[in-house]
């Protein structure tokens, strides 16, 4: 399981929870975006079935995603799979 967050000052913040199996394939993903306490987690199907290794390469190469919540969650899972 990997959790990533991105704080937003003007724009809405984001929290992502990724769950992968031992092979690094994402089996579940939920995201919460918003600025208020009324924000709720929503299931994100576009990442399910993807490999964290290919996602890591993609998100690290794009400067736009350097501080993104998804990259933090991917790096968290990668660190756990190494150990």
PDB file of N, CA and C in Angstrom:
ATOM      1  N   UNK A   1       0.847  -1.169   0.000  1.00  0.00           N
ATOM      2  CA  UNK A   1       0.000   0.000   0.000  1.00  0.00           C
ATOM      3  C   UNK A   1       0.890   1.229   0.000  1.00  0.00           C
ATOM      4  N   UNK A   2       0.528   2.190  -0.807  1.00  0.00           N
ATOM      5  CA  UNK A   2       1.253   3.448  -0.861  1.00  0.00           C
ATOM      6  C   UNK A   2       0.288   4.612  -0.761  1.00  0.00           C
ATOM      7  N   UNK A   3       0.677   5.607   0.010  1.00  0.00           N
ATOM      8  CA  UNK A   3      -0.157   6.789   0.183  1.00  0.00           C
ATOM      9  C   UNK A   3       0.652   8.003  -0.226  1.00  0.00           C
ATOM     10  N   UNK A   4       0.049   8.867  -1.024  1.00  0.00           N
ATOM     11  CA  UNK A   4       0.694  10.100  -1.443  1.00  0.00           C
ATOM     12  C   UNK A   4      -0.247  11.268  -1.263  1.00  0.00           C
ATOM     13  N   UNK A   5       0.317  12.419  -0.930  1.00  0.00           N
ATOM     14  CA  UNK A   5      -0.519  13.607  -0.771  1.00  0.00           C
ATOM     15  C   UNK A   5       0.138  14.798  -1.423  1.00  0.00           C
ATOM     16  N   UNK A   6      -0.692  15.748  -1.811  1.00  0.00           N
ATOM     17  CA  UNK A   6      -0.228  17.013  -2.362  1.00  0.00           C
ATOM     18  C   UNK A   6      -1.104  18.105  -1.777  1.00  0.00           C
ATOM     19  N   UNK A   7      -0.476  19.026  -1.114  1.00  0.00           N
ATOM     20  CA  UNK A   7      -1.216  20.114  -0.505  1.00  0.00           C
ATOM     21  C   UNK A   7      -1.445  21.200  -1.532  1.00  0.00           C
ATOM     22  N   UNK A   8      -2.621  21.774  -1.494  1.00  0.00           N
ATOM     23  CA  UNK A   8      -2.942  22.856  -2.400  1.00  0.00           C
ATOM     24  C   UNK A   8      -3.209  24.134  -1.628  1.00  0.00           C
ATOM     25  N   UNK A   9      -2.626  25.209  -2.085  1.00  0.00           N
ATOM     26  CA  UNK A   9      -2.891  26.497  -1.434  1.00  0.00           C
ATOM     27  C   UNK A   9      -4.097  27.168  -2.071  1.00  0.00           C
ATOM     28  N   UNK A  10      -4.037  27.329  -3.360  1.00  0.00           N
ATOM     29  CA  UNK A  10      -5.161  27.929  -4.073  1.00  0.00           C
ATOM     30  C   UNK A  10      -6.051  26.829  -4.646  1.00  0.00           C
ATOM     31  N   UNK A  11      -5.433  25.855  -5.289  1.00  0.00           N
ATOM     32  CA  UNK A  11      -6.182  24.733  -5.864  1.00  0.00           C
ATOM     33  C   UNK A  11      -6.461  23.688  -4.783  1.00  0.00           C
ATOM     34  N   UNK A  12      -7.319  22.743  -5.116  1.00  0.00           N
ATOM     35  CA  UNK A  12      -7.674  21.688  -4.178  1.00  0.00           C
ATOM     36  C   UNK A  12      -6.494  20.744  -3.959  1.00  0.00           C
ATOM     37  N   UNK A  13      -6.362  20.231  -2.744  1.00  0.00           N
ATOM     38  CA  UNK A  13      -5.335  19.250  -2.429  1.00  0.00           C
ATOM     39  C   UNK A  13      -5.783  17.867  -2.873  1.00  0.00           C
ATOM     40  N   UNK A  14      -4.879  16.894  -2.746  1.00  0.00           N
ATOM     41  CA  UNK A  14      -5.175  15.552  -3.216  1.00  0.00           C
ATOM     42  C   UNK A  14      -4.488  14.521  -2.335  1.00  0.00           C
ATOM     43  N   UNK A  15      -5.179  13.413  -2.062  1.00  0.00           N
ATOM     44  CA  UNK A  15      -4.609  12.267  -1.368  1.00  0.00           C
ATOM     45  C   UNK A  15      -4.928  11.043  -2.211  1.00  0.00           C
ATOM     46  N   UNK A  16      -3.916  10.202  -2.464  1.00  0.00           N
ATOM     47  CA  UNK A  16      -4.110   8.993  -3.262  1.00  0.00           C
ATOM     48  C   UNK A  16      -3.646   7.789  -2.459  1.00  0.00           C
ATOM     49  N   UNK A  17      -4.449   6.740  -2.487  1.00  0.00           N
ATOM     50  CA  UNK A  17      -4.099   5.468  -1.859  1.00  0.00           C
ATOM     51  C   UNK A  17      -4.027   4.419  -2.964  1.00  0.00           C
ATOM     52  N   UNK A  18      -2.853   3.813  -3.124  1.00  0.00           N
ATOM     53  CA  UNK A  18      -2.645   2.742  -4.107  1.00  0.00           C
ATOM     54  C   UNK A  18      -2.381   1.440  -3.371  1.00  0.00           C
ATOM     55  N   UNK A  19      -2.962   0.364  -3.867  1.00  0.00           N
ATOM     56  CA  UNK A  19      -2.698  -0.963  -3.310  1.00  0.00           C
ATOM     57  C   UNK A  19      -2.225  -1.839  -4.455  1.00  0.00           C
ATOM     58  N   UNK A  20      -1.082  -2.506  -4.245  1.00  0.00           N
ATOM     59  CA  UNK A  20      -0.542  -3.371  -5.292  1.00  0.00           C
ATOM     60  C   UNK A  20      -0.283  -4.764  -4.733  1.00  0.00           C
ATOM     61  N   UNK A  21      -0.119  -5.718  -5.650  1.00  0.00           N
ATOM     62  CA  UNK A  21       0.255  -7.055  -5.228  1.00  0.00           C
ATOM     63  C   UNK A  21       1.778  -7.143  -5.148  1.00  0.00           C
ATOM     64  N   UNK A  22       2.308  -8.325  -4.888  1.00  0.00           N
ATOM     65  CA  UNK A  22       3.757  -8.490  -4.722  1.00  0.00           C
ATOM     66  C   UNK A  22       4.537  -8.284  -6.013  1.00  0.00           C
ATOM     67  N   UNK A  23       3.849  -8.359  -7.159  1.00  0.00           N
ATOM     68  CA  UNK A  23       4.506  -8.170  -8.452  1.00  0.00           C
ATOM     69  C   UNK A  23       4.540  -6.713  -8.880  1.00  0.00           C
ATOM     70  N   UNK A  24       3.908  -5.822  -8.100  1.00  0.00           N
ATOM     71  CA  UNK A  24       3.898  -4.400  -8.430  1.00  0.00           C
ATOM     72  C   UNK A  24       2.761  -3.991  -9.344  1.00  0.00           C
ATOM     73  N   UNK A  25       1.728  -4.827  -9.463  1.00  0.00           N
ATOM     74  CA  UNK A  25       0.555  -4.501 -10.265  1.00  0.00           C
ATOM     75  C   UNK A  25      -0.497  -3.886  -9.342  1.00  0.00           C
ATOM     76  N   UNK A  26      -1.025  -2.741  -9.731  1.00  0.00           N
ATOM     77  CA  UNK A  26      -2.001  -2.035  -8.902  1.00  0.00           C
ATOM     78  C   UNK A  26      -3.340  -2.760  -8.966  1.00  0.00           C
ATOM     79  N   UNK A  27      -3.870  -3.088  -7.783  1.00  0.00           N
ATOM     80  CA  UNK A  27      -5.144  -3.799  -7.722  1.00  0.00           C
ATOM     81  C   UNK A  27      -6.283  -2.914  -7.207  1.00  0.00           C
ATOM     82  N   UNK A  28      -5.951  -1.776  -6.582  1.00  0.00           N
ATOM     83  CA  UNK A  28      -6.987  -0.860  -6.117  1.00  0.00           C
ATOM     84  C   UNK A  28      -6.399   0.541  -5.994  1.00  0.00           C
ATOM     85  N   UNK A  29      -7.232   1.546  -6.245  1.00  0.00           N
ATOM     86  CA  UNK A  29      -6.790   2.931  -6.157  1.00  0.00           C
ATOM     87  C   UNK A  29      -7.967   3.811  -5.769  1.00  0.00           C
ATOM     88  N   UNK A  30      -7.734   4.681  -4.788  1.00  0.00           N
ATOM     89  CA  UNK A  30      -8.748   5.647  -4.381  1.00  0.00           C
ATOM     90  C   UNK A  30      -8.091   7.010  -4.230  1.00  0.00           C
ATOM     91  N   UNK A  31      -8.863   8.052  -4.563  1.00  0.00           N
ATOM     92  CA  UNK A  31      -8.342   9.413  -4.519  1.00  0.00           C
ATOM     93  C   UNK A  31      -9.367  10.340  -3.870  1.00  0.00           C
ATOM     94  N   UNK A  32      -8.850  11.281  -3.088  1.00  0.00           N
ATOM     95  CA  UNK A  32      -9.697  12.312  -2.507  1.00  0.00           C
ATOM     96  C   UNK A  32      -9.146  13.661  -2.926  1.00  0.00           C
ATOM     97  N   UNK A  33      -9.999  14.469  -3.539  1.00  0.00           N
ATOM     98  CA  UNK A  33      -9.631  15.827  -3.933  1.00  0.00           C
ATOM     99  C   UNK A  33     -10.604  16.781  -3.275  1.00  0.00           C
ATOM    100  N   UNK A  34     -10.100  17.912  -2.871  1.00  0.00           N
ATOM    101  CA  UNK A  34     -11.000  18.903  -2.318  1.00  0.00           C
ATOM    102  C   UNK A  34     -10.325  19.808  -1.312  1.00  0.00           C
ATOM    103  N   UNK A  35     -11.096  20.756  -0.830  1.00  0.00           N
ATOM    104  CA  UNK A  35     -10.595  21.729   0.135  1.00  0.00           C
ATOM    105  C   UNK A  35     -11.368  21.703   1.445  1.00  0.00           C
ATOM    106  N   UNK A  36     -12.433  20.927   1.507  1.00  0.00           N
ATOM    107  CA  UNK A  36     -13.269  20.958   2.702  1.00  0.00           C
ATOM    108  C   UNK A  36     -13.300  19.597   3.382  1.00  0.00           C
ATOM    109  N   UNK A  37     -13.901  19.562   4.557  1.00  0.00           N
ATOM    110  CA  UNK A  37     -14.036  18.307   5.288  1.00  0.00           C
ATOM    111  C   UNK A  37     -15.095  17.402   4.666  1.00  0.00           C
ATOM    112  N   UNK A  38     -15.833  17.903   3.676  1.00  0.00           N
ATOM    113  CA  UNK A  38     -16.873  17.124   3.033  1.00  0.00           C
ATOM    114  C   UNK A  38     -16.342  16.288   1.865  1.00  0.00           C
ATOM    115  N   UNK A  39     -15.067  16.388   1.564  1.00  0.00           N
ATOM    116  CA  UNK A  39     -14.468  15.607   0.482  1.00  0.00           C
ATOM    117  C   UNK A  39     -14.451  14.135   0.878  1.00  0.00           C
ATOM    118  N   UNK A  40     -14.672  13.273  -0.083  1.00  0.00           N
ATOM    119  CA  UNK A  40     -14.697  11.826   0.158  1.00  0.00           C
ATOM    120  C   UNK A  40     -13.783  11.124  -0.837  1.00  0.00           C
ATOM    121  N   UNK A  41     -13.368   9.887  -0.494  1.00  0.00           N
ATOM    122  CA  UNK A  41     -12.550   9.089  -1.401  1.00  0.00           C
ATOM    123  C   UNK A  41     -13.412   8.533  -2.524  1.00  0.00           C
ATOM    124  N   UNK A  42     -12.855   8.562  -3.732  1.00  0.00           N
ATOM    125  CA  UNK A  42     -13.515   8.008  -4.916  1.00  0.00           C
ATOM    126  C   UNK A  42     -12.587   7.003  -5.568  1.00  0.00           C
ATOM    127  N   UNK A  43     -13.151   5.917  -6.085  1.00  0.00           N
ATOM    128  CA  UNK A  43     -12.367   4.887  -6.755  1.00  0.00           C
ATOM    129  C   UNK A  43     -11.870   5.409  -8.102  1.00  0.00           C
ATOM    130  N   UNK A  44     -10.595   5.137  -8.412  1.00  0.00           N
ATOM    131  CA  UNK A  44      -9.991   5.541  -9.685  1.00  0.00           C
ATOM    132  C   UNK A  44      -9.628   4.262 -10.439  1.00  0.00           C
ATOM    133  N   UNK A  45     -10.353   3.984 -11.517  1.00  0.00           N
ATOM    134  CA  UNK A  45     -10.153   2.741 -12.249  1.00  0.00           C
ATOM    135  C   UNK A  45      -9.039   2.811 -13.292  1.00  0.00           C
ATOM    136  N   UNK A  46      -8.592   4.010 -13.658  1.00  0.00           N
ATOM    137  CA  UNK A  46      -7.619   4.105 -14.755  1.00  0.00           C
ATOM    138  C   UNK A  46      -6.245   3.562 -14.382  1.00  0.00           C
ATOM    139  N   UNK A  47      -5.923   3.447 -13.102  1.00  0.00           N
ATOM    140  CA  UNK A  47      -4.621   2.927 -12.687  1.00  0.00           C
ATOM    141  C   UNK A  47      -4.641   1.429 -12.388  1.00  0.00           C
ATOM    142  N   UNK A  48      -5.807   0.847 -12.224  1.00  0.00           N
ATOM    143  CA  UNK A  48      -5.910  -0.567 -11.866  1.00  0.00           C
ATOM    144  C   UNK A  48      -5.403  -1.427 -13.023  1.00  0.00           C
ATOM    145  N   UNK A  49      -4.520  -2.355 -12.692  1.00  0.00           N
ATOM    146  CA  UNK A  49      -3.931  -3.251 -13.676  1.00  0.00           C
ATOM    147  C   UNK A  49      -2.604  -2.763 -14.235  1.00  0.00           C
ATOM    148  N   UNK A  50      -2.207  -1.554 -13.890  1.00  0.00           N
ATOM    149  CA  UNK A  50      -0.939  -1.006 -14.385  1.00  0.00           C
ATOM    150  C   UNK A  50       0.204  -1.407 -13.458  1.00  0.00           C
ATOM    151  N   UNK A  51       1.398  -1.454 -13.999  1.00  0.00           N
ATOM    152  CA  UNK A  51       2.598  -1.772 -13.233  1.00  0.00           C
ATOM    153  C   UNK A  51       3.155  -0.492 -12.603  1.00  0.00           C
ATOM    154  N   UNK A  52       3.570  -0.579 -11.336  1.00  0.00           N
ATOM    155  CA  UNK A  52       4.120   0.613 -10.696  1.00  0.00           C
ATOM    156  C   UNK A  52       5.473   0.990 -11.292  1.00  0.00           C
ATOM    157  N   UNK A  53       6.151   0.025 -11.882  1.00  0.00           N
ATOM    158  CA  UNK A  53       7.466   0.303 -12.447  1.00  0.00           C
ATOM    159  C   UNK A  53       7.350   1.161 -13.708  1.00  0.00           C
ATOM    160  N   UNK A  54       6.387   0.847 -14.568  1.00  0.00           N
ATOM    161  CA  UNK A  54       6.206   1.671 -15.765  1.00  0.00           C
ATOM    162  C   UNK A  54       5.635   3.034 -15.396  1.00  0.00           C
ATOM    163  N   UNK A  55       4.753   3.078 -14.395  1.00  0.00           N
ATOM    164  CA  UNK A  55       4.209   4.354 -13.936  1.00  0.00           C
ATOM    165  C   UNK A  55       5.294   5.227 -13.314  1.00  0.00           C
ATOM    166  N   UNK A  56       6.211   4.601 -12.582  1.00  0.00           N
ATOM    167  CA  UNK A  56       7.305   5.334 -11.942  1.00  0.00           C
ATOM    168  C   UNK A  56       8.175   6.016 -12.989  1.00  0.00           C
ATOM    169  N   UNK A  57       8.504   5.306 -14.048  1.00  0.00           N
ATOM    170  CA  UNK A  57       9.322   5.875 -15.121  1.00  0.00           C
ATOM    171  C   UNK A  57       8.605   7.052 -15.772  1.00  0.00           C
ATOM    172  N   UNK A  58       7.314   6.883 -16.053  1.00  0.00           N
ATOM    173  CA  UNK A  58       6.542   7.940 -16.709  1.00  0.00           C
ATOM    174  C   UNK A  58       6.453   9.187 -15.833  1.00  0.00           C
ATOM    175  N   UNK A  59       6.091   9.028 -14.571  1.00  0.00           N
ATOM    176  CA  UNK A  59       5.875  10.181 -13.697  1.00  0.00           C
ATOM    177  C   UNK A  59       7.182  10.862 -13.281  1.00  0.00           C
ATOM    178  N   UNK A  60       8.277  10.128 -13.218  1.00  0.00           N
ATOM    179  CA  UNK A  60       9.563  10.754 -12.878  1.00  0.00           C
ATOM    180  C   UNK A  60      10.122  11.569 -14.042  1.00  0.00           C
ATOM    181  N   UNK A  61       9.839  11.162 -15.272  1.00  0.00           N
ATOM    182  CA  UNK A  61      10.365  11.883 -16.435  1.00  0.00           C
ATOM    183  C   UNK A  61       9.633  13.191 -16.697  1.00  0.00           C
ATOM    184  N   UNK A  62       8.369  13.266 -16.342  1.00  0.00           N
ATOM    185  CA  UNK A  62       7.577  14.472 -16.589  1.00  0.00           C
ATOM    186  C   UNK A  62       7.704  15.440 -15.422  1.00  0.00           C
ATOM    187  N   UNK A  63       8.233  16.627 -15.698  1.00  0.00           N
ATOM    188  CA  UNK A  63       8.439  17.632 -14.654  1.00  0.00           C
ATOM    189  C   UNK A  63       7.126  18.069 -14.020  1.00  0.00           C
ATOM    190  N   UNK A  64       6.055  17.978 -14.768  1.00  0.00           N
ATOM    191  CA  UNK A  64       4.733  18.385 -14.279  1.00  0.00           C
ATOM    192  C   UNK A  64       4.310  17.570 -13.049  1.00  0.00           C
ATOM    193  N   UNK A  65       4.773  16.329 -12.964  1.00  0.00           N
ATOM    194  CA  UNK A  65       4.345  15.428 -11.898  1.00  0.00           C
ATOM    195  C   UNK A  65       5.391  15.224 -10.802  1.00  0.00           C
ATOM    196  N   UNK A  66       6.435  16.037 -10.747  1.00  0.00           N
ATOM    197  CA  UNK A  66       7.525  15.827  -9.795  1.00  0.00           C
ATOM    198  C   UNK A  66       7.062  15.803  -8.336  1.00  0.00           C
ATOM    199  N   UNK A  67       6.076  16.628  -7.995  1.00  0.00           N
ATOM    200  CA  UNK A  67       5.602  16.683  -6.614  1.00  0.00           C
ATOM    201  C   UNK A  67       4.171  16.175  -6.489  1.00  0.00           C
ATOM    202  N   UNK A  68       3.759  15.308  -7.395  1.00  0.00           N
ATOM    203  CA  UNK A  68       2.375  14.849  -7.397  1.00  0.00           C
ATOM    204  C   UNK A  68       2.134  13.772  -6.348  1.00  0.00           C
ATOM    205  N   UNK A  69       0.881  13.633  -5.955  1.00  0.00           N
ATOM    206  CA  UNK A  69       0.492  12.635  -4.965  1.00  0.00           C
ATOM    207  C   UNK A  69       0.675  11.227  -5.508  1.00  0.00           C
ATOM    208  N   UNK A  70       0.402  11.025  -6.797  1.00  0.00           N
ATOM    209  CA  UNK A  70       0.524   9.696  -7.391  1.00  0.00           C
ATOM    210  C   UNK A  70       1.973   9.225  -7.389  1.00  0.00           C
ATOM    211  N   UNK A  71       2.909  10.110  -7.667  1.00  0.00           N
ATOM    212  CA  UNK A  71       4.323   9.730  -7.657  1.00  0.00           C
ATOM    213  C   UNK A  71       4.772   9.374  -6.245  1.00  0.00           C
ATOM    214  N   UNK A  72       4.315  10.116  -5.251  1.00  0.00           N
ATOM    215  CA  UNK A  72       4.663   9.799  -3.862  1.00  0.00           C
ATOM    216  C   UNK A  72       4.137   8.421  -3.463  1.00  0.00           C
ATOM    217  N   UNK A  73       2.924   8.091  -3.884  1.00  0.00           N
ATOM    218  CA  UNK A  73       2.356   6.783  -3.576  1.00  0.00           C
ATOM    219  C   UNK A  73       3.119   5.666  -4.284  1.00  0.00           C
ATOM    220  N   UNK A  74       3.498   5.898  -5.536  1.00  0.00           N
ATOM    221  CA  UNK A  74       4.256   4.902  -6.301  1.00  0.00           C
ATOM    222  C   UNK A  74       5.617   4.661  -5.658  1.00  0.00           C
ATOM    223  N   UNK A  75       6.305   5.726  -5.276  1.00  0.00           N
ATOM    224  CA  UNK A  75       7.614   5.581  -4.640  1.00  0.00           C
ATOM    225  C   UNK A  75       7.508   4.872  -3.301  1.00  0.00           C
ATOM    226  N   UNK A  76       6.419   5.080  -2.592  1.00  0.00           N
ATOM    227  CA  UNK A  76       6.197   4.398  -1.320  1.00  0.00           C
ATOM    228  C   UNK A  76       6.048   2.887  -1.529  1.00  0.00           C
ATOM    229  N   UNK A  77       5.280   2.493  -2.529  1.00  0.00           N
ATOM    230  CA  UNK A  77       5.116   1.068  -2.835  1.00  0.00           C
ATOM    231  C   UNK A  77       6.432   0.475  -3.311  1.00  0.00           C
ATOM    232  N   UNK A  78       7.143   1.185  -4.163  1.00  0.00           N
ATOM    233  CA  UNK A  78       8.427   0.706  -4.677  1.00  0.00           C
ATOM    234  C   UNK A  78       9.405   0.453  -3.537  1.00  0.00           C
ATOM    235  N   UNK A  79       9.448   1.349  -2.583  1.00  0.00           N
ATOM    236  CA  UNK A  79      10.340   1.195  -1.425  1.00  0.00           C
ATOM    237  C   UNK A  79       9.969  -0.042  -0.603  1.00  0.00           C
ATOM    238  N   UNK A  80       8.686  -0.317  -0.468  1.00  0.00           N
ATOM    239  CA  UNK A  80       8.237  -1.486   0.288  1.00  0.00           C
ATOM    240  C   UNK A  80       8.551  -2.783  -0.436  1.00  0.00           C
ATOM    241  N   UNK A  81       8.445  -2.778  -1.763  1.00  0.00           N
ATOM    242  CA  UNK A  81       8.716  -3.998  -2.531  1.00  0.00           C
ATOM    243  C   UNK A  81      10.209  -4.313  -2.565  1.00  0.00           C
ATOM    244  N   UNK A  82      11.047  -3.291  -2.452  1.00  0.00           N
ATOM    245  CA  UNK A  82      12.491  -3.525  -2.428  1.00  0.00           C
ATOM    246  C   UNK A  82      12.897  -4.245  -1.136  1.00  0.00           C
ATOM    247  N   UNK A  83      12.278  -3.829  -0.035  1.00  0.00           N
ATOM    248  CA  UNK A  83      12.612  -4.433   1.274  1.00  0.00           C
ATOM    249  C   UNK A  83      11.934  -5.724   1.452  1.00  0.00           C
TER     250      UNK A  83
END
